[in-house]
Amino acid sequence: MITPFPAPDFELQSQNGTPVHLSDFKGKTVLLNFWASWCAPCRETNKKLAKLYNQFKSDAFVIINISEDTSQVKWKKAVVNDKMKWLQLIDFTDWNRSAARRWNASQLPASFLINRYGMVIASDAAYLLTDDPEGFKSALQNLSTQ
């Protein structure tokens, strides 16, 4: 666990080109995941996220993937191939201005859990990506109350 801190906001492009801000999701528990199509561990994480999304999607819980791909074509192809139906964003900015840098996501995949108050409560939320849905549900309920 970490000492909670305010989640750095960002504005990134969605698959359909719409700008999205993290602050749009205040009031919800957010699992934020940085990834790339060329990253094999990221693709495995996406499979786990797909299961979690299908089981836990709700108005109170959202998953947001942020791709660090430089190719929009490869990004969109991976989204389709990995059956990712949750919110997909891409960060086309250079590293110095990137959301990944502001989030200190220097290795991929990097996952963060943000509570409904906009506070980061887990900085390596990958431990939540378990094959045990009940364990995840329990962790999610405990963490989202912080």
C-alpha atoms as a PDB file:
ATOM      1  CA  MET A   1       0.000   0.000   0.000  1.00  0.00           C
ATOM      2  CA  ILE A   2       0.981   3.593  -0.480  1.00  0.00           C
ATOM      3  CA  THR A   3       0.117   6.893   1.089  1.00  0.00           C
ATOM      4  CA  PRO A   4      -2.787   8.109  -1.071  1.00  0.00           C
ATOM      5  CA  PHE A   5      -2.042  11.081  -3.311  1.00  0.00           C
ATOM      6  CA  PRO A   6      -4.099  13.108  -5.810  1.00  0.00           C
ATOM      7  CA  ALA A   7      -4.312  11.449  -9.221  1.00  0.00           C
ATOM      8  CA  PRO A   8      -2.566  13.587 -11.868  1.00  0.00           C
ATOM      9  CA  ASP A   9      -5.121  14.647 -14.460  1.00  0.00           C
ATOM     10  CA  PHE A  10      -4.570  14.244 -18.181  1.00  0.00           C
ATOM     11  CA  GLU A  11      -6.272  14.869 -21.494  1.00  0.00           C
ATOM     12  CA  LEU A  12      -5.799  12.059 -24.005  1.00  0.00           C
ATOM     13  CA  GLN A  13      -7.425  10.910 -27.217  1.00  0.00           C
ATOM     14  CA  SER A  14      -9.918   8.040 -27.247  1.00  0.00           C
ATOM     15  CA  GLN A  15     -10.320   5.558 -30.103  1.00  0.00           C
ATOM     16  CA  ASN A  16     -12.868   7.795 -31.794  1.00  0.00           C
ATOM     17  CA  GLY A  17     -10.712  10.906 -31.357  1.00  0.00           C
ATOM     18  CA  THR A  18     -12.649  12.384 -28.448  1.00  0.00           C
ATOM     19  CA  PRO A  19     -10.556  14.060 -25.733  1.00  0.00           C
ATOM     20  CA  VAL A  20     -10.905  12.386 -22.326  1.00  0.00           C
ATOM     21  CA  HIS A  21      -9.814  13.740 -18.933  1.00  0.00           C
ATOM     22  CA  LEU A  22      -9.179  11.530 -15.926  1.00  0.00           C
ATOM     23  CA  SER A  23     -11.059  14.105 -13.838  1.00  0.00           C
ATOM     24  CA  ASP A  24     -14.214  13.153 -15.802  1.00  0.00           C
ATOM     25  CA  PHE A  25     -14.312   9.987 -13.673  1.00  0.00           C
ATOM     26  CA  LYS A  26     -14.238  11.542 -10.200  1.00  0.00           C
ATOM     27  CA  GLY A  27     -16.813   9.750  -8.083  1.00  0.00           C
ATOM     28  CA  LYS A  28     -15.865   6.371  -9.584  1.00  0.00           C
ATOM     29  CA  THR A  29     -13.218   3.819  -8.715  1.00  0.00           C
ATOM     30  CA  VAL A  30     -10.775   3.695 -11.641  1.00  0.00           C
ATOM     31  CA  LEU A  31      -8.242   1.042 -12.577  1.00  0.00           C
ATOM     32  CA  LEU A  32      -5.760   2.900 -14.797  1.00  0.00           C
ATOM     33  CA  ASN A  33      -3.436   0.729 -16.881  1.00  0.00           C
ATOM     34  CA  PHE A  34      -0.504   1.870 -19.050  1.00  0.00           C
ATOM     35  CA  TRP A  35       0.400  -0.595 -21.799  1.00  0.00           C
ATOM     36  CA  ALA A  36       1.639  -0.994 -25.404  1.00  0.00           C
ATOM     37  CA  SER A  37       0.819  -3.410 -28.223  1.00  0.00           C
ATOM     38  CA  TRP A  38       4.461  -4.552 -28.465  1.00  0.00           C
ATOM     39  CA  CYS A  39       4.663  -5.433 -24.740  1.00  0.00           C
ATOM     40  CA  ALA A  40       3.977  -9.169 -24.180  1.00  0.00           C
ATOM     41  CA  PRO A  41       3.283  -8.825 -20.416  1.00  0.00           C
ATOM     42  CA  CYS A  42       0.874  -5.992 -21.248  1.00  0.00           C
ATOM     43  CA  ARG A  43      -1.056  -8.227 -23.616  1.00  0.00           C
ATOM     44  CA  GLU A  44      -1.358 -10.861 -20.862  1.00  0.00           C
ATOM     45  CA  THR A  45      -2.590  -8.168 -18.476  1.00  0.00           C
ATOM     46  CA  ASN A  46      -5.198  -7.149 -21.062  1.00  0.00           C
ATOM     47  CA  LYS A  47      -6.615 -10.694 -20.988  1.00  0.00           C
ATOM     48  CA  LYS A  48      -7.033 -10.444 -17.226  1.00  0.00           C
ATOM     49  CA  LEU A  49      -8.521  -6.971 -17.530  1.00  0.00           C
ATOM     50  CA  ALA A  50     -11.064  -8.280 -20.048  1.00  0.00           C
ATOM     51  CA  LYS A  51     -12.265 -10.846 -17.504  1.00  0.00           C
ATOM     52  CA  LEU A  52     -12.437  -8.210 -14.767  1.00  0.00           C
ATOM     53  CA  TYR A  53     -14.263  -5.791 -17.030  1.00  0.00           C
ATOM     54  CA  ASN A  54     -16.863  -8.375 -17.993  1.00  0.00           C
ATOM     55  CA  GLN A  55     -17.469  -9.308 -14.368  1.00  0.00           C
ATOM     56  CA  PHE A  56     -17.212  -5.952 -12.577  1.00  0.00           C
ATOM     57  CA  LYS A  57     -18.178  -3.236 -15.074  1.00  0.00           C
ATOM     58  CA  SER A  58     -20.561  -0.787 -13.460  1.00  0.00           C
ATOM     59  CA  ASP A  59     -21.310   2.881 -13.112  1.00  0.00           C
ATOM     60  CA  ALA A  60     -19.064   2.935 -10.035  1.00  0.00           C
ATOM     61  CA  PHE A  61     -16.015   1.092 -11.467  1.00  0.00           C
ATOM     62  CA  VAL A  62     -14.196   1.777 -14.727  1.00  0.00           C
ATOM     63  CA  ILE A  63     -11.036   0.524 -16.370  1.00  0.00           C
ATOM     64  CA  ILE A  64      -8.998   2.926 -18.490  1.00  0.00           C
ATOM     65  CA  ASN A  65      -6.149   1.700 -20.672  1.00  0.00           C
ATOM     66  CA  ILE A  66      -3.544   4.200 -21.870  1.00  0.00           C
ATOM     67  CA  SER A  67      -1.451   3.004 -24.778  1.00  0.00           C
ATOM     68  CA  GLU A  68       2.118   4.154 -25.210  1.00  0.00           C
ATOM     69  CA  ASP A  69       2.133   2.978 -28.842  1.00  0.00           C
ATOM     70  CA  THR A  70       3.509   5.283 -31.515  1.00  0.00           C
ATOM     71  CA  SER A  71       1.373   3.655 -34.213  1.00  0.00           C
ATOM     72  CA  GLN A  72      -2.358   4.256 -34.088  1.00  0.00           C
ATOM     73  CA  VAL A  73      -2.880   1.308 -36.467  1.00  0.00           C
ATOM     74  CA  LYS A  74      -1.034  -1.156 -34.184  1.00  0.00           C
ATOM     75  CA  TRP A  75      -2.838   0.229 -31.137  1.00  0.00           C
ATOM     76  CA  LYS A  76      -6.303  -0.192 -32.665  1.00  0.00           C
ATOM     77  CA  LYS A  77      -5.444  -3.666 -33.973  1.00  0.00           C
ATOM     78  CA  ALA A  78      -4.344  -4.781 -30.483  1.00  0.00           C
ATOM     79  CA  VAL A  79      -7.539  -3.363 -28.959  1.00  0.00           C
ATOM     80  CA  VAL A  80      -9.604  -5.490 -31.354  1.00  0.00           C
ATOM     81  CA  ASN A  81      -7.423  -8.607 -31.025  1.00  0.00           C
ATOM     82  CA  ASP A  82      -7.417  -8.453 -27.217  1.00  0.00           C
ATOM     83  CA  LYS A  83     -11.193  -7.815 -27.131  1.00  0.00           C
ATOM     84  CA  MET A  84     -10.835  -4.697 -25.004  1.00  0.00           C
ATOM     85  CA  LYS A  85     -14.296  -3.181 -24.670  1.00  0.00           C
ATOM     86  CA  TRP A  86     -13.430  -0.709 -21.933  1.00  0.00           C
ATOM     87  CA  LEU A  87     -12.111   2.826 -22.450  1.00  0.00           C
ATOM     88  CA  GLN A  88      -8.958   2.949 -24.573  1.00  0.00           C
ATOM     89  CA  LEU A  89      -6.794   6.071 -24.771  1.00  0.00           C
ATOM     90  CA  ILE A  90      -3.524   6.749 -26.553  1.00  0.00           C
ATOM     91  CA  ASP A  91      -0.761   9.127 -25.562  1.00  0.00           C
ATOM     92  CA  PHE A  92       0.844  10.550 -28.705  1.00  0.00           C
ATOM     93  CA  THR A  93       2.874  13.172 -26.835  1.00  0.00           C
ATOM     94  CA  ASP A  94       6.611  12.875 -26.429  1.00  0.00           C
ATOM     95  CA  TRP A  95       7.957  11.323 -23.232  1.00  0.00           C
ATOM     96  CA  ASN A  96       8.667  14.678 -21.549  1.00  0.00           C
ATOM     97  CA  ARG A  97       4.994  15.640 -21.693  1.00  0.00           C
ATOM     98  CA  SER A  98       3.450  12.180 -21.525  1.00  0.00           C
ATOM     99  CA  ALA A  99       0.866  10.971 -19.044  1.00  0.00           C
ATOM    100  CA  ALA A 100       3.106   7.958 -18.358  1.00  0.00           C
ATOM    101  CA  ARG A 101       5.890  10.256 -17.190  1.00  0.00           C
ATOM    102  CA  ARG A 102       3.555  12.285 -14.974  1.00  0.00           C
ATOM    103  CA  TRP A 103       2.335   8.996 -13.514  1.00  0.00           C
ATOM    104  CA  ASN A 104       5.888   7.675 -13.125  1.00  0.00           C
ATOM    105  CA  ALA A 105       4.966   4.636 -15.245  1.00  0.00           C
ATOM    106  CA  SER A 106       8.480   3.895 -16.448  1.00  0.00           C
ATOM    107  CA  GLN A 107       7.827   0.171 -16.975  1.00  0.00           C
ATOM    108  CA  LEU A 108       4.927  -1.451 -18.765  1.00  0.00           C
ATOM    109  CA  PRO A 109       2.428  -2.604 -17.825  1.00  0.00           C
ATOM    110  CA  ALA A 110       1.824  -0.169 -14.989  1.00  0.00           C
ATOM    111  CA  SER A 111      -1.499  -0.152 -13.163  1.00  0.00           C
ATOM    112  CA  PHE A 112      -2.926   2.258 -10.609  1.00  0.00           C
ATOM    113  CA  LEU A 113      -6.092   2.169  -8.553  1.00  0.00           C
ATOM    114  CA  ILE A 114      -7.845   5.488  -7.974  1.00  0.00           C
ATOM    115  CA  ASN A 115     -10.629   5.793  -5.436  1.00  0.00           C
ATOM    116  CA  ARG A 116     -13.849   7.714  -5.965  1.00  0.00           C
ATOM    117  CA  TYR A 117     -12.279  10.813  -4.406  1.00  0.00           C
ATOM    118  CA  GLY A 118      -9.598  11.011  -7.090  1.00  0.00           C
ATOM    119  CA  MET A 119      -6.827   9.685  -4.852  1.00  0.00           C
ATOM    120  CA  VAL A 120      -4.314   7.072  -6.006  1.00  0.00           C
ATOM    121  CA  ILE A 121      -4.527   4.281  -3.441  1.00  0.00           C
ATOM    122  CA  ALA A 122      -2.418   1.600  -5.145  1.00  0.00           C
ATOM    123  CA  SER A 123       0.582   2.407  -7.321  1.00  0.00           C
ATOM    124  CA  ASP A 124       1.200  -1.124  -8.512  1.00  0.00           C
ATOM    125  CA  ALA A 125      -2.316  -2.402  -8.862  1.00  0.00           C
ATOM    126  CA  ALA A 126      -1.156  -5.360 -10.944  1.00  0.00           C
ATOM    127  CA  TYR A 127      -1.439  -7.490  -7.818  1.00  0.00           C
ATOM    128  CA  LEU A 128      -5.194  -6.963  -8.140  1.00  0.00           C
ATOM    129  CA  LEU A 129      -5.207  -8.630 -11.537  1.00  0.00           C
ATOM    130  CA  THR A 130      -5.705 -12.061 -10.148  1.00  0.00           C
ATOM    131  CA  ASP A 131      -7.400 -15.117 -11.571  1.00  0.00           C
ATOM    132  CA  ASP A 132      -9.499 -15.118  -8.398  1.00  0.00           C
ATOM    133  CA  PRO A 133     -12.545 -12.903  -9.107  1.00  0.00           C
ATOM    134  CA  GLU A 134     -13.727 -13.055  -5.497  1.00  0.00           C
ATOM    135  CA  GLY A 135     -10.300 -11.941  -4.299  1.00  0.00           C
ATOM    136  CA  PHE A 136     -10.390  -9.022  -6.707  1.00  0.00           C
ATOM    137  CA  LYS A 137     -13.918  -8.123  -5.659  1.00  0.00           C
ATOM    138  CA  SER A 138     -12.888  -8.135  -2.005  1.00  0.00           C
ATOM    139  CA  ALA A 139      -9.774  -6.037  -2.695  1.00  0.00           C
ATOM    140  CA  LEU A 140     -11.774  -3.616  -4.815  1.00  0.00           C
ATOM    141  CA  GLN A 141     -14.399  -3.155  -2.112  1.00  0.00           C
ATOM    142  CA  ASN A 142     -11.751  -2.626   0.568  1.00  0.00           C
ATOM    143  CA  LEU A 143      -9.634  -0.236  -1.493  1.00  0.00           C
ATOM    144  CA  SER A 144     -12.485   1.822  -2.909  1.00  0.00           C
ATOM    145  CA  THR A 145     -13.635   2.789   0.583  1.00  0.00           C
ATOM    146  CA  GLN A 146     -10.323   4.472   1.374  1.00  0.00           C
END
